[in-house]
Structures are given as structure tokens and as C-alpha cells.
Amino acid sequence: MRYLSTLKLPTYQCRVIVIVTDDLNKEGRRIYKKHDLEVYEDDEAEGMVICPDLTQYYLVISKVHLTYNTIAHECHHVVQGIVKDRGIEDDEAGAWLAGHISEFVYKFLQKRKLGVKHG
């Protein structure tokens, strides 16, 4: 099973594609192939962020590892990528962006009735 939602961020001229999947490596291979990236190497990760260009950031989380910790961890990577790619050094901008992305992710999960575990 695969759940997907896209958050548009016009201020940063990009979008965050949030994907929750039963098969993290299959999803990673799909994204790499779609964007003609290097060869994807399977990993035992709980989630990942893939950025094929400065306009798209994939935030991918394994459904099995759908925890508050994993969500915060991957949201942090997305925010770090967006601000670094744009040369933004203001911590406050990153903090607001983190809140905005996190809120979007949690609303998406709630709408899809995907339970988040502690862990």
C-alpha cells in the first residue's frame, strides 16, 4: 500500500511529496528511476528524504515505522535540505517551516487514518 500527498511551498518554490509505504526500498527505487538518478541501494532505514532537484523533496516513511520520532527525524531532513539549498541561515525561518511541514504530515496521516505510534 502507498499513501501520497503533496505540500506546495510557493515561498521556497518547491513542493514536499509525502509518501507512506509498505515497501520503503521499492519506493526509493521508483523515485530514483522516475528522476533518472544514480542506482538506488536498498537500505534498512525507517524513512528517507530524496531530492532529485531543488523543486521536489520526497519525504518517504515506512508504514511499519510510522512513529513520532521517525516523522520528526525525516521532517528535519526536509527542512535542512530546503534551507541549505537556498542559503537560508535564519533559524526562525527553518523552525516555522518545520512546524508547517509537520502539521501537514500529521493532518495527512489523520485524514488517511494512519495511526502514529510512540517509539
Protein backbone atom coordinates (compact mmCIF):
# COMPACT_ATOMS: atom_id res chain seq x y z
CA MET A 1 0.00 0.00 0.00
CA ARG A 2 1.14 3.52 -0.77
CA TYR A 3 -0.28 6.82 0.53
CA LEU A 4 0.79 10.11 -1.05
CA SER A 5 0.11 13.81 -0.56
CA THR A 6 1.88 16.93 -1.82
CA LEU A 7 2.57 20.14 0.07
CA LYS A 8 3.29 23.13 -2.18
CA LEU A 9 5.66 25.73 -0.74
CA PRO A 10 5.49 28.74 -3.10
CA THR A 11 7.73 30.84 -0.82
CA TYR A 12 10.54 28.35 -1.42
CA GLN A 13 9.50 27.48 -4.98
CA CYS A 14 9.28 23.78 -4.20
CA ARG A 15 7.00 21.04 -3.02
CA VAL A 16 7.26 18.25 -0.48
CA ILE A 17 5.83 14.92 -1.60
CA VAL A 18 4.92 12.89 1.49
CA ILE A 19 4.72 9.14 0.96
CA VAL A 20 3.91 6.42 3.47
CA THR A 21 4.63 3.00 2.04
CA ASP A 22 4.67 -0.69 2.92
CA ASP A 23 7.94 -1.10 0.99
CA LEU A 24 10.47 1.69 1.53
CA ASN A 25 13.08 0.25 -0.84
CA LYS A 26 10.58 -0.30 -3.64
CA GLU A 27 9.51 3.34 -3.28
CA GLY A 28 13.13 4.52 -3.26
CA ARG A 29 13.85 2.58 -6.46
CA ARG A 30 10.70 4.02 -8.08
CA ILE A 31 11.69 7.61 -7.30
CA TYR A 32 15.28 7.08 -8.44
CA LYS A 33 14.10 5.54 -11.72
CA LYS A 34 11.48 8.26 -12.31
CA HIS A 35 14.10 11.01 -11.95
CA ASP A 36 16.95 9.10 -13.63
CA LEU A 37 19.13 9.28 -10.52
CA GLU A 38 22.07 7.06 -9.61
CA VAL A 39 21.47 3.42 -8.81
CA TYR A 40 19.38 3.08 -5.66
CA GLU A 41 20.90 0.90 -2.95
CA ASP A 42 18.47 -0.93 -0.66
CA ASP A 43 18.62 0.20 2.94
CA GLU A 44 17.14 -0.85 6.28
CA ALA A 45 16.06 2.72 7.04
CA GLU A 46 12.76 3.71 8.61
CA GLY A 47 12.38 6.67 6.29
CA MET A 48 14.25 8.78 3.77
CA VAL A 49 14.35 12.10 2.00
CA ILE A 50 15.15 12.18 -1.70
CA CYS A 51 15.72 15.46 -3.53
CA PRO A 52 16.05 14.98 -7.29
CA ASP A 53 16.19 18.75 -7.85
CA LEU A 54 15.58 21.99 -5.95
CA THR A 55 11.84 21.91 -6.66
CA GLN A 56 10.98 18.49 -5.20
CA TYR A 57 11.66 16.89 -1.85
CA TYR A 58 10.32 13.39 -1.26
CA LEU A 59 9.67 12.58 2.39
CA VAL A 60 9.18 8.81 2.48
CA ILE A 61 8.34 6.82 5.61
CA SER A 62 7.84 3.10 6.06
CA LYS A 63 4.33 2.38 7.37
CA VAL A 64 5.82 -0.15 9.81
CA HIS A 65 7.99 2.60 11.32
CA LEU A 66 5.36 5.33 11.41
CA THR A 67 6.36 6.89 14.75
CA TYR A 68 6.53 10.44 16.06
CA ASN A 69 10.30 10.05 16.20
CA THR A 70 10.64 8.96 12.55
CA ILE A 71 8.30 11.72 11.34
CA ALA A 72 10.24 14.41 13.24
CA HIS A 73 13.54 12.97 12.01
CA GLU A 74 12.53 12.99 8.33
CA CYS A 75 10.82 16.41 8.57
CA HIS A 76 14.10 17.76 9.97
CA HIS A 77 15.99 16.42 6.94
CA VAL A 78 13.49 18.04 4.56
CA VAL A 79 13.76 21.41 6.30
CA GLN A 80 17.56 21.22 6.38
CA GLY A 81 17.60 20.46 2.66
CA ILE A 82 15.25 23.28 1.73
CA VAL A 83 17.03 25.98 3.76
CA LYS A 84 20.54 24.80 2.85
CA ASP A 85 19.70 24.62 -0.87
CA ARG A 86 18.53 28.24 -0.67
CA GLY A 87 21.35 29.58 1.50
CA ILE A 88 18.99 30.45 4.36
CA GLU A 89 20.77 30.75 7.70
CA ASP A 90 17.90 32.15 9.77
CA ASP A 91 16.92 29.53 12.36
CA GLU A 92 13.47 31.08 12.76
CA ALA A 93 12.65 30.51 9.08
CA GLY A 94 13.61 26.86 9.46
CA ALA A 95 11.59 26.49 12.66
CA TRP A 96 8.45 27.92 11.03
CA LEU A 97 8.97 25.67 8.02
CA ALA A 98 9.39 22.63 10.28
CA GLY A 99 6.11 23.42 12.00
CA HIS A 100 4.31 23.93 8.70
CA ILE A 101 5.59 20.66 7.21
CA SER A 102 4.94 18.68 10.40
CA GLU A 103 1.38 19.98 10.65
CA PHE A 104 0.77 19.00 7.01
CA VAL A 105 2.15 15.49 7.61
CA TYR A 106 0.02 14.91 10.72
CA LYS A 107 -3.17 16.17 9.02
CA PHE A 108 -2.44 13.89 6.05
CA LEU A 109 -1.94 10.88 8.35
CA GLN A 110 -5.11 11.68 10.28
CA LYS A 111 -7.14 12.03 7.07
CA ARG A 112 -5.85 8.66 5.83
CA LYS A 113 -6.47 7.15 9.27
CA LEU A 114 -2.83 6.08 9.55
CA GLY A 115 -2.01 5.67 13.21
CA VAL A 116 1.25 7.04 14.54
CA LYS A 117 3.00 5.02 17.23
CA HIS A 118 5.27 6.07 20.04
CA GLY A 119 8.67 4.54 19.79
